[in-house]
Amino acid sequence: MKKVIINCATGEETIVDLTAEELAQHEADVATSEQERTAIENAKTEKENLKASAKAKLIAGEALTEEEANVMIGG
């Protein structure tokens, strides 16, 4: 993988290879980003499932759990 170094004084661009440390950090950052994206998607799915469960219980006249009630009122 390469990186571009720009000299602010001259505007000259130099393309160099990433060091082993930079490459390792990049890979760690990508893995963290993927984990965060997965966590966000899982949280959205969980909220959608709670809303669906709460709606089904309301239609059936059943009591909601506190968590379902909170998600229904936006809490």
Protein backbone atom coordinates (compact mmCIF):
# COMPACT_ATOMS: atom_id res chain seq x y z
CA MET A 1 0.00 0.00 0.00
CA LYS A 2 1.20 3.49 -0.80
CA LYS A 3 0.79 6.95 0.70
CA VAL A 4 1.25 10.40 -0.74
CA ILE A 5 3.41 12.97 1.06
CA ILE A 6 2.83 16.57 0.00
CA ASN A 7 5.40 19.27 0.70
CA CYS A 8 3.25 22.26 1.72
CA ALA A 9 5.95 24.76 0.80
CA THR A 10 6.52 23.49 -2.74
CA GLY A 11 3.39 21.45 -3.46
CA GLU A 12 5.63 18.57 -4.51
CA GLU A 13 4.06 15.13 -4.09
CA THR A 14 6.04 12.02 -3.19
CA ILE A 15 4.54 8.52 -3.24
CA VAL A 16 6.04 6.04 -0.80
CA ASP A 17 5.21 2.60 0.61
CA LEU A 18 3.62 2.38 4.05
CA THR A 19 5.89 1.10 6.78
CA ALA A 20 5.04 -2.19 8.46
CA GLU A 21 3.76 -0.25 11.48
CA GLU A 22 1.57 2.00 9.33
CA LEU A 23 0.18 -0.97 7.46
CA ALA A 24 -0.60 -2.80 10.71
CA GLN A 25 -2.34 0.30 12.07
CA HIS A 26 -4.36 0.66 8.86
CA GLU A 27 -5.49 -2.97 9.06
CA ALA A 28 -6.43 -2.53 12.74
CA ASP A 29 -8.41 0.62 11.88
CA VAL A 30 -10.28 -1.18 9.11
CA ALA A 31 -11.12 -4.08 11.44
CA THR A 32 -12.37 -1.66 14.10
CA SER A 33 -14.51 0.16 11.54
CA GLU A 34 -16.06 -3.12 10.41
CA GLN A 35 -16.80 -4.09 14.03
CA GLU A 36 -18.42 -0.71 14.70
CA ARG A 37 -20.50 -0.98 11.52
CA THR A 38 -21.65 -4.47 12.55
CA ALA A 39 -22.54 -3.26 16.05
CA ILE A 40 -24.60 -0.39 14.62
CA GLU A 41 -26.41 -2.72 12.22
CA ASN A 42 -27.13 -5.17 15.07
CA ALA A 43 -28.49 -2.36 17.27
CA LYS A 44 -30.80 -1.20 14.46
CA THR A 45 -32.04 -4.74 13.88
CA GLU A 46 -32.65 -5.24 17.60
CA LYS A 47 -34.66 -1.99 17.78
CA GLU A 48 -36.72 -2.97 14.72
CA ASN A 49 -37.41 -6.39 16.29
CA LEU A 50 -38.50 -4.75 19.55
CA LYS A 51 -40.84 -2.42 17.68
CA ALA A 52 -42.35 -5.34 15.77
CA SER A 53 -42.79 -7.34 18.98
CA ALA A 54 -44.38 -4.38 20.76
CA LYS A 55 -46.77 -3.77 17.86
CA ALA A 56 -47.79 -7.43 17.77
CA LYS A 57 -48.43 -7.41 21.52
CA LEU A 58 -50.48 -4.21 21.31
CA ILE A 59 -52.60 -5.68 18.54
CA ALA A 60 -53.10 -8.88 20.57
CA GLY A 61 -53.87 -6.90 23.74
CA GLU A 62 -50.88 -8.29 25.61
CA ALA A 63 -48.69 -6.42 28.10
CA LEU A 64 -45.44 -4.93 26.85
CA THR A 65 -42.08 -5.32 28.49
CA GLU A 66 -40.46 -2.12 29.73
CA GLU A 67 -37.95 -2.29 26.89
CA GLU A 68 -40.72 -2.63 24.30
CA ALA A 69 -42.62 0.29 25.83
CA ASN A 70 -39.49 2.43 25.77
CA VAL A 71 -38.83 1.73 22.12
CA MET A 72 -42.44 2.53 21.23
CA ILE A 73 -42.23 5.98 22.84
CA GLY A 74 -38.78 6.69 21.42
CA GLY A 75 -36.86 6.09 24.62
